[in-house]
Protein backbone atom coordinates (compact mmCIF):
# COMPACT_ATOMS: atom_id res chain seq x y z
CA MET A 1 0.00 0.00 0.00
CA ARG A 2 1.18 3.47 -0.85
CA LEU A 3 1.00 6.26 1.69
CA ARG A 4 -1.99 7.82 -0.12
CA HIS A 5 -3.79 4.46 0.01
CA ILE A 6 -3.10 4.25 3.74
CA GLU A 7 -4.34 7.81 4.33
CA VAL A 8 -7.64 7.12 2.54
CA PHE A 9 -8.07 3.75 4.24
CA ASN A 10 -7.54 5.34 7.64
CA ALA A 11 -9.99 8.16 6.91
CA ILE A 12 -12.71 5.70 5.89
CA MET A 13 -12.10 3.57 8.97
CA LEU A 14 -12.49 6.67 11.12
CA THR A 15 -15.61 8.05 9.41
CA GLY A 16 -17.40 5.05 7.88
CA SER A 17 -18.19 6.64 4.49
CA VAL A 18 -16.55 8.01 1.36
CA SER A 19 -18.13 11.44 1.72
CA ALA A 20 -17.04 11.87 5.33
CA ALA A 21 -13.56 10.58 4.54
CA ALA A 22 -13.26 13.10 1.71
CA ARG A 23 -14.16 15.95 4.08
CA LEU A 24 -11.71 14.68 6.70
CA ILE A 25 -8.67 14.66 4.41
CA ASN A 26 -9.90 17.53 2.21
CA ILE A 27 -10.11 15.82 -1.19
CA THR A 28 -13.05 15.02 -3.48
CA GLN A 29 -15.30 11.99 -3.10
CA PRO A 30 -14.31 10.60 -6.53
CA ALA A 31 -10.64 10.86 -5.51
CA VAL A 32 -11.35 8.84 -2.35
CA SER A 33 -13.24 6.19 -4.35
CA ARG A 34 -10.46 5.91 -6.96
CA THR A 35 -7.72 5.68 -4.35
CA LEU A 36 -9.61 3.01 -2.44
CA GLN A 37 -10.18 1.05 -5.62
CA HIS A 38 -6.47 1.25 -6.52
CA ALA A 39 -5.52 0.07 -3.03
CA GLU A 40 -7.82 -2.95 -3.23
CA ILE A 41 -6.51 -3.87 -6.70
CA GLN A 42 -2.92 -3.65 -5.46
CA LEU A 43 -3.69 -5.70 -2.35
CA GLY A 44 -5.75 -8.29 -4.21
CA PHE A 45 -8.64 -8.30 -1.75
CA PRO A 46 -11.46 -5.90 -0.77
CA LEU A 47 -11.08 -3.65 2.22
CA PHE A 48 -14.75 -2.71 2.61
CA GLN A 49 -18.17 -4.09 1.82
CA ARG A 50 -20.58 -1.53 0.35
CA ALA A 51 -24.16 -1.40 1.61
CA LYS A 52 -26.62 1.53 1.62
CA GLY A 53 -23.93 4.19 1.36
CA ARG A 54 -21.93 2.78 4.22
CA LEU A 55 -18.64 0.95 4.08
CA THR A 56 -18.16 -1.98 6.43
CA PRO A 57 -14.54 -3.11 6.91
CA THR A 58 -13.71 -6.65 5.88
CA THR A 59 -11.84 -9.11 8.09
CA GLU A 60 -8.64 -8.22 6.23
CA ALA A 61 -9.20 -4.51 6.86
CA LEU A 62 -9.71 -5.12 10.58
CA ALA A 63 -6.44 -7.07 10.67
CA LEU A 64 -4.58 -4.23 8.95
CA TYR A 65 -6.01 -1.36 10.98
CA PRO A 66 -4.01 -1.69 14.25
CA HIS A 67 -0.81 -1.47 12.23
CA ILE A 68 -2.12 1.57 10.39
CA GLU A 69 -2.94 3.25 13.71
CA ARG A 70 0.62 2.71 14.93
CA LEU A 71 1.97 4.09 11.68
CA PHE A 72 -0.10 7.27 12.00
CA ALA A 73 1.05 7.70 15.61
CA GLN A 74 4.64 7.56 14.38
CA LEU A 75 3.86 10.03 11.59
CA ASP A 76 2.41 12.41 14.18
CA GLU A 77 5.68 12.21 16.13
CA VAL A 78 7.64 13.00 12.96
CA GLN A 79 5.41 16.00 12.25
CA ARG A 80 5.83 17.33 15.79
CA LEU A 81 9.60 16.97 15.60
CA ALA A 82 9.72 18.63 12.17
CA ALA A 83 7.63 21.52 13.45
CA ASN A 84 9.97 22.00 16.41
CA LEU A 85 13.03 21.92 14.17
CA ARG A 86 11.42 24.33 11.70
CA THR A 87 10.52 26.92 14.28
CA ALA A 88 13.74 26.43 16.26
CA SER A 89 11.81 27.85 19.17
CA ASP A 90 11.63 26.94 22.83
CA ALA A 91 8.84 24.48 22.11
CA GLY A 92 9.81 20.83 22.19
CA GLU A 93 10.10 17.81 24.40
CA LEU A 94 12.48 16.85 27.19
CA ARG A 95 12.76 13.18 28.12
CA ILE A 96 14.25 12.61 31.58
CA LEU A 97 15.27 9.38 33.25
CA SER A 98 16.11 9.26 36.94
CA VAL A 99 16.74 6.89 39.79
CA LEU A 100 13.76 6.85 42.12
CA ALA A 101 15.65 8.49 44.98
CA LEU A 102 15.92 11.75 43.01
CA SER A 103 12.29 11.70 41.85
CA TYR A 104 10.67 12.55 45.19
CA GLU A 105 12.25 15.83 46.25
CA VAL A 106 15.07 16.98 43.98
CA LEU A 107 13.50 16.57 40.54
CA PRO A 108 10.13 18.14 41.46
CA ARG A 109 11.99 21.22 42.76
CA ALA A 110 14.16 21.33 39.65
CA LEU A 111 11.19 20.85 37.32
CA LYS A 112 9.23 23.64 39.00
CA ARG A 113 12.10 26.00 38.26
CA PHE A 114 12.51 24.57 34.74
CA ARG A 115 8.81 24.99 33.89
CA GLU A 116 8.95 28.64 34.93
CA GLN A 117 11.72 29.17 32.40
CA HIS A 118 10.41 26.87 29.63
CA PRO A 119 6.61 26.60 29.92
CA SER A 120 6.16 25.33 26.35
CA ILE A 121 8.47 22.30 26.65
CA ALA A 122 6.67 19.00 27.27
CA VAL A 123 8.48 16.99 29.93
CA THR A 124 8.32 13.23 30.44
CA LEU A 125 9.95 11.61 33.46
CA GLU A 126 10.55 7.92 34.03
CA SER A 127 12.14 6.42 37.15
CA LEU A 128 14.42 3.46 36.49
CA HIS A 129 17.40 1.66 37.98
CA SER A 130 20.83 2.93 36.94
CA PRO A 131 21.62 0.15 34.39
CA GLN A 132 18.27 0.72 32.69
CA ILE A 133 18.95 4.46 32.50
CA MET A 134 22.28 3.86 30.78
CA THR A 135 20.77 1.40 28.31
CA ALA A 136 17.99 3.83 27.40
CA LEU A 137 20.47 6.69 26.90
CA LEU A 138 22.62 4.52 24.64
CA ARG A 139 19.51 3.78 22.57
CA GLN A 140 18.80 7.54 22.51
CA GLU A 141 15.39 6.93 24.09
CA ALA A 142 15.90 9.86 26.47
CA ASP A 143 17.75 13.17 26.57
CA VAL A 144 19.33 13.06 30.03
CA GLY A 145 19.56 10.73 33.00
CA PHE A 146 20.18 11.46 36.67
CA ALA A 147 21.78 8.74 38.76
CA PHE A 148 24.38 7.92 41.40
CA SER A 149 26.28 5.47 39.20
CA PRO A 150 29.23 6.57 37.06
CA ALA A 151 28.95 6.27 33.29
CA VAL A 152 30.36 2.86 32.40
CA HIS A 153 30.19 3.15 28.60
CA PRO A 154 32.44 5.27 26.36
CA SER A 155 29.39 6.61 24.49
CA LEU A 156 28.04 8.20 27.69
CA THR A 157 29.26 11.39 29.31
CA GLN A 158 28.79 12.31 32.95
CA GLU A 159 28.71 15.51 34.92
CA THR A 160 28.83 15.52 38.71
CA LEU A 161 26.14 17.85 40.03
CA ALA A 162 26.77 17.43 43.74
CA ASP A 163 28.53 15.19 46.25
CA SER A 164 25.91 13.82 48.60
CA ARG A 165 26.70 11.26 51.31
CA MET A 166 25.07 8.36 53.10
CA VAL A 167 22.92 9.19 56.12
CA CYS A 168 21.67 7.08 59.01
CA VAL A 169 17.88 7.13 59.47
CA ALA A 170 16.84 5.45 62.73
CA PRO A 171 13.35 4.89 64.16
CA LYS A 172 12.65 7.08 67.19
CA GLY A 173 13.94 5.46 70.38
CA MET A 174 16.20 2.91 68.66
CA LEU A 175 19.52 4.77 69.13
CA PRO A 176 21.07 5.69 72.50
CA ARG A 177 20.70 9.31 73.55
CA ALA A 178 24.46 9.79 73.57
CA LEU A 179 24.60 9.12 69.84
CA LEU A 180 21.65 11.42 69.21
CA ARG A 181 23.36 14.23 71.13
CA ASN A 182 26.51 13.70 69.11
CA GLY A 183 24.57 13.91 65.86
CA SER A 184 26.63 11.22 64.16
CA VAL A 185 26.90 7.45 64.24
CA ALA A 186 29.68 5.08 63.18
CA LEU A 187 29.14 1.81 61.37
CA HIS A 188 30.30 -0.17 64.41
CA ASP A 189 27.59 1.53 66.52
CA LEU A 190 24.95 -0.23 64.42
CA VAL A 191 26.33 -3.77 64.61
CA LYS A 192 23.79 -5.03 67.16
CA LEU A 193 20.83 -3.11 65.75
CA PRO A 194 18.34 -4.25 63.08
CA VAL A 195 19.44 -2.75 59.75
CA VAL A 196 17.50 -2.50 56.50
CA GLY A 197 19.73 -3.98 53.81
CA LEU A 198 20.36 -2.45 50.40
CA ASP A 199 20.75 -4.59 47.29
CA SER A 200 24.50 -5.20 46.91
CA ARG A 201 24.17 -4.65 43.14
CA ASP A 202 23.02 -1.09 43.76
CA PRO A 203 25.80 1.54 43.56
CA VAL A 204 25.03 2.90 47.04
CA GLY A 205 24.68 -0.64 48.40
CA THR A 206 28.06 -1.49 46.88
CA SER A 207 29.69 1.56 48.50
CA LEU A 208 28.19 0.59 51.85
CA SER A 209 29.47 -2.99 51.57
CA GLN A 210 32.97 -1.74 50.75
CA ALA A 211 32.95 0.65 53.72
CA CYS A 212 31.85 -2.16 56.04
CA ARG A 213 34.66 -4.41 54.83
CA GLN A 214 37.23 -1.65 55.30
CA ALA A 215 35.92 -0.94 58.82
CA GLY A 216 35.82 -4.63 59.70
CA VAL A 217 32.11 -4.36 60.45
CA GLY A 218 29.53 -7.03 59.74
CA PHE A 219 25.88 -6.32 60.40
CA GLN A 220 23.50 -8.95 61.72
CA GLN A 221 21.29 -10.41 59.02
CA ALA A 222 19.22 -7.61 57.53
CA VAL A 223 15.61 -7.50 58.74
CA VAL A 224 14.67 -6.94 55.10
CA THR A 225 16.65 -6.17 51.94
CA VAL A 226 15.22 -3.60 49.53
CA GLN A 227 16.05 -2.32 46.06
CA THR A 228 15.18 1.35 46.50
CA TYR A 229 16.27 3.88 49.09
CA HIS A 230 12.74 5.14 49.66
CA ALA A 231 11.67 1.58 50.46
CA ALA A 232 14.45 1.53 53.08
CA LEU A 233 13.21 4.86 54.43
CA ALA A 234 9.65 3.51 54.65
CA MET A 235 10.92 0.55 56.69
CA ALA A 236 12.57 2.96 59.12
CA HIS A 237 9.38 5.02 59.34
CA HIS A 238 7.55 1.88 60.48
CA GLY A 239 10.18 0.96 63.02
CA LEU A 240 11.59 -2.14 61.32
CA GLY A 241 15.19 -1.05 61.51
CA VAL A 242 17.88 1.50 60.75
CA ALA A 243 18.07 2.65 57.12
CA LEU A 244 21.31 3.83 55.55
CA VAL A 245 20.35 5.98 52.58
CA ASP A 246 21.57 8.83 50.40
CA GLY A 247 21.14 12.41 51.54
CA CYS A 248 18.42 13.21 48.99
CA THR A 249 16.24 10.36 50.24
CA ALA A 250 16.91 11.40 53.85
CA ASN A 251 15.40 14.80 53.03
CA SER A 252 12.04 13.04 52.65
CA ALA A 253 12.19 11.60 56.17
CA ASP A 254 9.39 12.28 58.67
CA ARG A 255 11.30 13.79 61.60
CA GLY A 256 8.43 12.86 63.90
CA LYS A 257 9.10 9.17 63.27
CA VAL A 258 12.85 8.94 62.74
CA ASP A 259 16.15 10.51 63.76
CA LEU A 260 18.70 11.57 61.14
CA LEU A 261 22.40 11.28 61.91
CA THR A 262 25.59 11.76 59.95
CA LEU A 263 27.15 8.40 59.11
CA GLU A 264 30.84 7.79 59.72
CA PRO A 265 32.99 7.07 57.86
CA HIS A 266 32.01 9.43 55.08
CA ILE A 267 30.52 7.38 52.23
CA PRO A 268 30.16 9.64 49.18
CA VAL A 269 27.12 9.45 46.92
CA PRO A 270 27.84 11.61 43.86
CA ILE A 271 24.78 12.81 41.94
CA ARG A 272 25.48 12.68 38.21
CA ALA A 273 23.89 13.84 34.99
CA LEU A 274 24.37 11.27 32.23
CA ARG A 275 24.03 12.00 28.52
CA PHE A 276 24.68 10.37 25.16
CA ALA A 277 28.08 11.56 23.98
CA GLY A 278 27.26 11.54 20.28
CA ARG A 279 24.61 14.25 20.46
CA PRO A 280 25.09 17.92 21.41
CA ASP A 281 23.15 19.11 24.44
CA SER A 282 19.97 21.02 23.74
CA VAL A 283 18.98 24.19 25.55
CA ALA A 284 16.46 22.13 27.52
CA VAL A 285 19.07 19.57 28.65
CA ARG A 286 21.46 22.29 29.78
CA SER A 287 18.64 24.06 31.60
CA ILE A 288 17.30 21.02 33.50
CA THR A 289 20.85 20.08 34.48
CA ARG A 290 21.41 23.56 35.89
CA CYS A 291 18.04 23.44 37.69
CA MET A 292 18.97 20.09 39.23
CA ARG A 293 22.25 21.48 40.51
CA GLU A 294 20.45 24.47 42.05
CA ALA A 295 17.71 22.29 43.60
CA ILE A 296 20.28 20.04 45.26
CA ALA A 297 22.17 23.06 46.61
CA GLU A 298 18.96 24.48 48.11
CA MET A 299 18.33 21.24 50.02
CA ASP A 300 21.76 21.12 51.66
């Protein structure tokens, strides 16, 4: 089928008649009829059954139509992109990927600032694990990613936005008052306490495991092991155990339920902006990266 055949076929499927299809795509009724006839001759089977001025799709037409719908959705995307490139204006789309920990406090603050500066840019945000973010960026399925992990592929660039650190979040009443007065806690202070475990494959979980080995500390078996830092925070909120999380997640803590303490030794959690190296940064990417940096600084 040629593109003109597909356009006429789609218009008839949407409207149910030649006359309505002609009005929809702004051509004459005879032109619609001729194009439909040519399409059916080329295909070798009828697309519609004619009865009382109405066209009823055949089984073959119904089988074709979902694919036609997807094609038109893709054509709409092409038209939107072409319009944005033609106008070279602020209008466009920004596709952001982020680890979940940055999606609760930091990104909403950054996006509020970004939207004030670029109200016409459509923003999509998806929260994924770090390896998924890198894979999507390599496939150019997004414009920028925010994560704790370093870029591990030569086709990705990274920019450190801030150096956060791991924080101890303890349920109220679980830590001795002396530690609370001091405002900090060492890894060895937590050895006999219930601790919420982080997935060792996670970059922050890996850093924690390395720090424990270097300090010669081994925690009792974790009360529960989680894959996200906010899940660890939720466990602490409900009194299950101590959560060791990044500073951005700790900013979401309910101070009425938990105590926040500095964790020693210092375990860095760099916040990075990841991008595909083969494509120049757009104005929108540079702007959201700057807004993220400013949002993180405001929360310190």
